Amino acid sequence: MEEMWLARDKSGDLYFHGESKPKKNKERGIWASDEINPFWINPEMFPEVKWSDSEPTKVKLEIVK
């Protein structure tokens, strides 16, 4: 299993960030990490993840065969 981070930008966009924990950049309204291109996911998913959160949400990615 791979640990990742889930965070919602001020605009409402929702992203998975890889191994690098993102940090909130209030001036730009985004969560920034070492990832060049965090993975965008449908913003209707995970409504409990909000811009107002003080920390990103840690998630685990598991591939089931």
PDB file of N, CA and C in Angstrom:
ATOM      1  N   MET A   1       0.828  -1.183   0.000  1.00  0.00           N
ATOM      2  CA  MET A   1       0.000   0.000   0.000  1.00  0.00           C
ATOM      3  C   MET A   1       0.872   1.246   0.000  1.00  0.00           C
ATOM      4  N   GLU A   2       0.410   2.223  -0.708  1.00  0.00           N
ATOM      5  CA  GLU A   2       1.132   3.475  -0.846  1.00  0.00           C
ATOM      6  C   GLU A   2       0.406   4.556  -0.047  1.00  0.00           C
ATOM      7  N   GLU A   3       1.143   5.266   0.823  1.00  0.00           N
ATOM      8  CA  GLU A   3       0.543   6.389   1.541  1.00  0.00           C
ATOM      9  C   GLU A   3       0.561   7.608   0.649  1.00  0.00           C
ATOM     10  N   MET A   4      -0.562   8.302   0.616  1.00  0.00           N
ATOM     11  CA  MET A   4      -0.700   9.508  -0.187  1.00  0.00           C
ATOM     12  C   MET A   4      -1.465  10.534   0.647  1.00  0.00           C
ATOM     13  N   TRP A   5      -1.625  11.696   0.075  1.00  0.00           N
ATOM     14  CA  TRP A   5      -2.318  12.776   0.761  1.00  0.00           C
ATOM     15  C   TRP A   5      -3.427  13.308  -0.135  1.00  0.00           C
ATOM     16  N   LEU A   6      -4.543  13.649   0.461  1.00  0.00           N
ATOM     17  CA  LEU A   6      -5.685  14.191  -0.234  1.00  0.00           C
ATOM     18  C   LEU A   6      -5.935  15.594   0.316  1.00  0.00           C
ATOM     19  N   ALA A   7      -6.052  16.586  -0.578  1.00  0.00           N
ATOM     20  CA  ALA A   7      -6.276  17.962  -0.131  1.00  0.00           C
ATOM     21  C   ALA A   7      -7.128  18.712  -1.148  1.00  0.00           C
ATOM     22  N   ARG A   8      -7.966  19.607  -0.628  1.00  0.00           N
ATOM     23  CA  ARG A   8      -8.853  20.411  -1.476  1.00  0.00           C
ATOM     24  C   ARG A   8      -8.334  21.844  -1.502  1.00  0.00           C
ATOM     25  N   ASP A   9      -8.154  22.382  -2.703  1.00  0.00           N
ATOM     26  CA  ASP A   9      -7.720  23.766  -2.853  1.00  0.00           C
ATOM     27  C   ASP A   9      -8.878  24.714  -2.558  1.00  0.00           C
ATOM     28  N   LYS A  10      -8.562  25.985  -2.371  1.00  0.00           N
ATOM     29  CA  LYS A  10      -9.582  26.992  -2.067  1.00  0.00           C
ATOM     30  C   LYS A  10     -10.646  27.060  -3.163  1.00  0.00           C
ATOM     31  N   SER A  11     -10.252  26.781  -4.402  1.00  0.00           N
ATOM     32  CA  SER A  11     -11.185  26.804  -5.532  1.00  0.00           C
ATOM     33  C   SER A  11     -12.171  25.633  -5.503  1.00  0.00           C
ATOM     34  N   GLY A  12     -11.913  24.639  -4.647  1.00  0.00           N
ATOM     35  CA  GLY A  12     -12.767  23.460  -4.564  1.00  0.00           C
ATOM     36  C   GLY A  12     -12.193  22.248  -5.274  1.00  0.00           C
ATOM     37  N   ASP A  13     -11.100  22.435  -6.039  1.00  0.00           N
ATOM     38  CA  ASP A  13     -10.464  21.289  -6.708  1.00  0.00           C
ATOM     39  C   ASP A  13      -9.859  20.351  -5.673  1.00  0.00           C
ATOM     40  N   LEU A  14      -9.913  19.059  -5.978  1.00  0.00           N
ATOM     41  CA  LEU A  14      -9.444  18.024  -5.065  1.00  0.00           C
ATOM     42  C   LEU A  14      -8.295  17.270  -5.710  1.00  0.00           C
ATOM     43  N   TYR A  15      -7.203  17.047  -4.953  1.00  0.00           N
ATOM     44  CA  TYR A  15      -5.997  16.422  -5.505  1.00  0.00           C
ATOM     45  C   TYR A  15      -5.440  15.355  -4.580  1.00  0.00           C
ATOM     46  N   PHE A  16      -4.894  14.294  -5.219  1.00  0.00           N
ATOM     47  CA  PHE A  16      -4.038  13.334  -4.531  1.00  0.00           C
ATOM     48  C   PHE A  16      -2.607  13.814  -4.701  1.00  0.00           C
ATOM     49  N   HIS A  17      -1.862  13.823  -3.613  1.00  0.00           N
ATOM     50  CA  HIS A  17      -0.431  14.127  -3.648  1.00  0.00           C
ATOM     51  C   HIS A  17       0.288  12.842  -3.268  1.00  0.00           C
ATOM     52  N   GLY A  18       1.412  12.569  -3.900  1.00  0.00           N
ATOM     53  CA  GLY A  18       2.166  11.341  -3.655  1.00  0.00           C
ATOM     54  C   GLY A  18       2.821  11.317  -2.291  1.00  0.00           C
ATOM     55  N   GLU A  19       4.021  10.808  -2.224  1.00  0.00           N
ATOM     56  CA  GLU A  19       4.711  10.590  -0.954  1.00  0.00           C
ATOM     57  C   GLU A  19       5.034  11.870  -0.197  1.00  0.00           C
ATOM     58  N   SER A  20       5.033  12.996  -0.876  1.00  0.00           N
ATOM     59  CA  SER A  20       5.374  14.268  -0.255  1.00  0.00           C
ATOM     60  C   SER A  20       4.126  14.925   0.336  1.00  0.00           C
ATOM     61  N   LYS A  21       4.110  15.125   1.644  1.00  0.00           N
ATOM     62  CA  LYS A  21       2.970  15.748   2.319  1.00  0.00           C
ATOM     63  C   LYS A  21       2.853  17.209   1.872  1.00  0.00           C
ATOM     64  N   PRO A  22       1.697  17.610   1.345  1.00  0.00           N
ATOM     65  CA  PRO A  22       1.548  18.999   0.901  1.00  0.00           C
ATOM     66  C   PRO A  22       1.393  19.962   2.077  1.00  0.00           C
ATOM     67  N   LYS A  23       1.738  21.210   1.813  1.00  0.00           N
ATOM     68  CA  LYS A  23       1.592  22.279   2.797  1.00  0.00           C
ATOM     69  C   LYS A  23       0.633  23.313   2.231  1.00  0.00           C
ATOM     70  N   LYS A  24      -0.176  23.882   3.096  1.00  0.00           N
ATOM     71  CA  LYS A  24      -1.163  24.866   2.671  1.00  0.00           C
ATOM     72  C   LYS A  24      -0.493  26.193   2.351  1.00  0.00           C
ATOM     73  N   ASN A  25      -0.757  26.709   1.159  1.00  0.00           N
ATOM     74  CA  ASN A  25      -0.276  28.029   0.757  1.00  0.00           C
ATOM     75  C   ASN A  25      -1.510  28.926   0.672  1.00  0.00           C
ATOM     76  N   LYS A  26      -1.794  29.647   1.764  1.00  0.00           N
ATOM     77  CA  LYS A  26      -3.009  30.460   1.843  1.00  0.00           C
ATOM     78  C   LYS A  26      -3.010  31.585   0.828  1.00  0.00           C
ATOM     79  N   GLU A  27      -1.855  32.156   0.539  1.00  0.00           N
ATOM     80  CA  GLU A  27      -1.772  33.263  -0.420  1.00  0.00           C
ATOM     81  C   GLU A  27      -2.214  32.837  -1.817  1.00  0.00           C
ATOM     82  N   ARG A  28      -1.835  31.612  -2.223  1.00  0.00           N
ATOM     83  CA  ARG A  28      -2.186  31.112  -3.557  1.00  0.00           C
ATOM     84  C   ARG A  28      -3.469  30.278  -3.555  1.00  0.00           C
ATOM     85  N   GLY A  29      -3.953  29.912  -2.373  1.00  0.00           N
ATOM     86  CA  GLY A  29      -5.185  29.134  -2.280  1.00  0.00           C
ATOM     87  C   GLY A  29      -5.025  27.688  -2.697  1.00  0.00           C
ATOM     88  N   ILE A  30      -3.811  27.152  -2.499  1.00  0.00           N
ATOM     89  CA  ILE A  30      -3.541  25.765  -2.910  1.00  0.00           C
ATOM     90  C   ILE A  30      -2.782  25.022  -1.817  1.00  0.00           C
ATOM     91  N   TRP A  31      -2.766  23.706  -1.951  1.00  0.00           N
ATOM     92  CA  TRP A  31      -1.884  22.847  -1.160  1.00  0.00           C
ATOM     93  C   TRP A  31      -0.731  22.482  -2.091  1.00  0.00           C
ATOM     94  N   ALA A  32       0.485  22.791  -1.701  1.00  0.00           N
ATOM     95  CA  ALA A  32       1.649  22.549  -2.552  1.00  0.00           C
ATOM     96  C   ALA A  32       2.528  21.463  -1.941  1.00  0.00           C
ATOM     97  N   SER A  33       3.043  20.593  -2.823  1.00  0.00           N
ATOM     98  CA  SER A  33       3.955  19.529  -2.392  1.00  0.00           C
ATOM     99  C   SER A  33       5.108  19.449  -3.381  1.00  0.00           C
ATOM    100  N   ASP A  34       5.978  18.494  -3.179  1.00  0.00           N
ATOM    101  CA  ASP A  34       7.095  18.283  -4.096  1.00  0.00           C
ATOM    102  C   ASP A  34       6.650  17.652  -5.407  1.00  0.00           C
ATOM    103  N   GLU A  35       5.392  17.227  -5.474  1.00  0.00           N
ATOM    104  CA  GLU A  35       4.860  16.633  -6.695  1.00  0.00           C
ATOM    105  C   GLU A  35       4.793  17.691  -7.791  1.00  0.00           C
ATOM    106  N   ILE A  36       5.248  17.358  -8.972  1.00  0.00           N
ATOM    107  CA  ILE A  36       5.160  18.292 -10.089  1.00  0.00           C
ATOM    108  C   ILE A  36       3.707  18.448 -10.507  1.00  0.00           C
ATOM    109  N   ASN A  37       2.995  17.340 -10.628  1.00  0.00           N
ATOM    110  CA  ASN A  37       1.592  17.355 -11.030  1.00  0.00           C
ATOM    111  C   ASN A  37       0.789  16.454 -10.102  1.00  0.00           C
ATOM    112  N   PRO A  38       0.235  17.006  -9.022  1.00  0.00           N
ATOM    113  CA  PRO A  38      -0.626  16.151  -8.204  1.00  0.00           C
ATOM    114  C   PRO A  38      -1.806  15.689  -9.048  1.00  0.00           C
ATOM    115  N   PHE A  39      -2.398  14.565  -8.688  1.00  0.00           N
ATOM    116  CA  PHE A  39      -3.457  13.946  -9.473  1.00  0.00           C
ATOM    117  C   PHE A  39      -4.808  14.536  -9.108  1.00  0.00           C
ATOM    118  N   TRP A  40      -5.477  15.172 -10.076  1.00  0.00           N
ATOM    119  CA  TRP A  40      -6.805  15.746  -9.870  1.00  0.00           C
ATOM    120  C   TRP A  40      -7.831  14.626  -9.799  1.00  0.00           C
ATOM    121  N   ILE A  41      -8.766  14.748  -8.864  1.00  0.00           N
ATOM    122  CA  ILE A  41      -9.883  13.799  -8.818  1.00  0.00           C
ATOM    123  C   ILE A  41     -11.188  14.585  -8.755  1.00  0.00           C
ATOM    124  N   ASN A  42     -12.275  13.921  -9.056  1.00  0.00           N
ATOM    125  CA  ASN A  42     -13.587  14.549  -9.075  1.00  0.00           C
ATOM    126  C   ASN A  42     -13.833  15.272  -7.751  1.00  0.00           C
ATOM    127  N   PRO A  43     -14.098  16.586  -7.788  1.00  0.00           N
ATOM    128  CA  PRO A  43     -14.274  17.344  -6.550  1.00  0.00           C
ATOM    129  C   PRO A  43     -15.514  16.963  -5.749  1.00  0.00           C
ATOM    130  N   GLU A  44     -16.428  16.196  -6.351  1.00  0.00           N
ATOM    131  CA  GLU A  44     -17.607  15.744  -5.610  1.00  0.00           C
ATOM    132  C   GLU A  44     -17.285  14.570  -4.686  1.00  0.00           C
ATOM    133  N   MET A  45     -16.136  13.956  -4.911  1.00  0.00           N
ATOM    134  CA  MET A  45     -15.714  12.855  -4.047  1.00  0.00           C
ATOM    135  C   MET A  45     -15.158  13.427  -2.744  1.00  0.00           C
ATOM    136  N   PHE A  46     -15.273  12.697  -1.689  1.00  0.00           N
ATOM    137  CA  PHE A  46     -14.725  13.056  -0.378  1.00  0.00           C
ATOM    138  C   PHE A  46     -15.144  14.462   0.060  1.00  0.00           C
ATOM    139  N   PRO A  47     -16.450  14.718   0.194  1.00  0.00           N
ATOM    140  CA  PRO A  47     -16.909  16.051   0.606  1.00  0.00           C
ATOM    141  C   PRO A  47     -16.421  16.444   1.999  1.00  0.00           C
ATOM    142  N   GLU A  48     -15.972  15.469   2.771  1.00  0.00           N
ATOM    143  CA  GLU A  48     -15.470  15.777   4.117  1.00  0.00           C
ATOM    144  C   GLU A  48     -14.102  16.465   4.088  1.00  0.00           C
ATOM    145  N   VAL A  49     -13.407  16.409   2.946  1.00  0.00           N
ATOM    146  CA  VAL A  49     -12.115  17.091   2.810  1.00  0.00           C
ATOM    147  C   VAL A  49     -12.391  18.520   2.362  1.00  0.00           C
ATOM    148  N   LYS A  50     -11.960  19.480   3.169  1.00  0.00           N
ATOM    149  CA  LYS A  50     -12.275  20.884   2.914  1.00  0.00           C
ATOM    150  C   LYS A  50     -11.015  21.745   2.890  1.00  0.00           C
ATOM    151  N   TRP A  51     -11.123  22.891   2.218  1.00  0.00           N
ATOM    152  CA  TRP A  51     -10.022  23.860   2.199  1.00  0.00           C
ATOM    153  C   TRP A  51      -9.711  24.327   3.619  1.00  0.00           C
ATOM    154  N   SER A  52     -10.713  24.430   4.451  1.00  0.00           N
ATOM    155  CA  SER A  52     -10.527  24.927   5.813  1.00  0.00           C
ATOM    156  C   SER A  52      -9.764  23.950   6.717  1.00  0.00           C
ATOM    157  N   ASP A  53      -9.528  22.719   6.257  1.00  0.00           N
ATOM    158  CA  ASP A  53      -8.765  21.756   7.055  1.00  0.00           C
ATOM    159  C   ASP A  53      -7.363  22.302   7.327  1.00  0.00           C
ATOM    160  N   SER A  54      -6.876  22.074   8.538  1.00  0.00           N
ATOM    161  CA  SER A  54      -5.533  22.558   8.878  1.00  0.00           C
ATOM    162  C   SER A  54      -4.432  21.622   8.375  1.00  0.00           C
ATOM    163  N   GLU A  55      -4.789  20.380   8.095  1.00  0.00           N
ATOM    164  CA  GLU A  55      -3.826  19.388   7.592  1.00  0.00           C
ATOM    165  C   GLU A  55      -4.452  18.648   6.413  1.00  0.00           C
ATOM    166  N   PRO A  56      -3.626  18.158   5.477  1.00  0.00           N
ATOM    167  CA  PRO A  56      -4.168  17.310   4.420  1.00  0.00           C
ATOM    168  C   PRO A  56      -4.608  15.975   5.014  1.00  0.00           C
ATOM    169  N   THR A  57      -5.439  15.250   4.298  1.00  0.00           N
ATOM    170  CA  THR A  57      -5.935  13.961   4.765  1.00  0.00           C
ATOM    171  C   THR A  57      -5.041  12.842   4.244  1.00  0.00           C
ATOM    172  N   LYS A  58      -4.519  12.040   5.158  1.00  0.00           N
ATOM    173  CA  LYS A  58      -3.662  10.923   4.758  1.00  0.00           C
ATOM    174  C   LYS A  58      -4.546   9.773   4.293  1.00  0.00           C
ATOM    175  N   VAL A  59      -4.224   9.216   3.131  1.00  0.00           N
ATOM    176  CA  VAL A  59      -4.966   8.079   2.569  1.00  0.00           C
ATOM    177  C   VAL A  59      -3.978   7.011   2.140  1.00  0.00           C
ATOM    178  N   LYS A  60      -4.477   5.803   1.942  1.00  0.00           N
ATOM    179  CA  LYS A  60      -3.646   4.708   1.431  1.00  0.00           C
ATOM    180  C   LYS A  60      -4.242   4.213   0.138  1.00  0.00           C
ATOM    181  N   LEU A  61      -3.403   4.085  -0.843  1.00  0.00           N
ATOM    182  CA  LEU A  61      -3.808   3.554  -2.144  1.00  0.00           C
ATOM    183  C   LEU A  61      -3.470   2.070  -2.168  1.00  0.00           C
ATOM    184  N   GLU A  62      -4.483   1.260  -2.414  1.00  0.00           N
ATOM    185  CA  GLU A  62      -4.278  -0.182  -2.463  1.00  0.00           C
ATOM    186  C   GLU A  62      -4.809  -0.707  -3.798  1.00  0.00           C
ATOM    187  N   ILE A  63      -3.979  -1.431  -4.494  1.00  0.00           N
ATOM    188  CA  ILE A  63      -4.386  -2.040  -5.762  1.00  0.00           C
ATOM    189  C   ILE A  63      -4.786  -3.475  -5.459  1.00  0.00           C
ATOM    190  N   VAL A  64      -6.016  -3.801  -5.785  1.00  0.00           N
ATOM    191  CA  VAL A  64      -6.548  -5.144  -5.526  1.00  0.00           C
ATOM    192  C   VAL A  64      -6.687  -5.852  -6.858  1.00  0.00           C
ATOM    193  N   LYS A  65      -6.113  -7.027  -6.931  1.00  0.00           N
ATOM    194  CA  LYS A  65      -6.178  -7.809  -8.187  1.00  0.00           C
ATOM    195  C   LYS A  65      -7.236  -8.865  -8.094  1.00  0.00           C
TER     196      LYS A  65
END
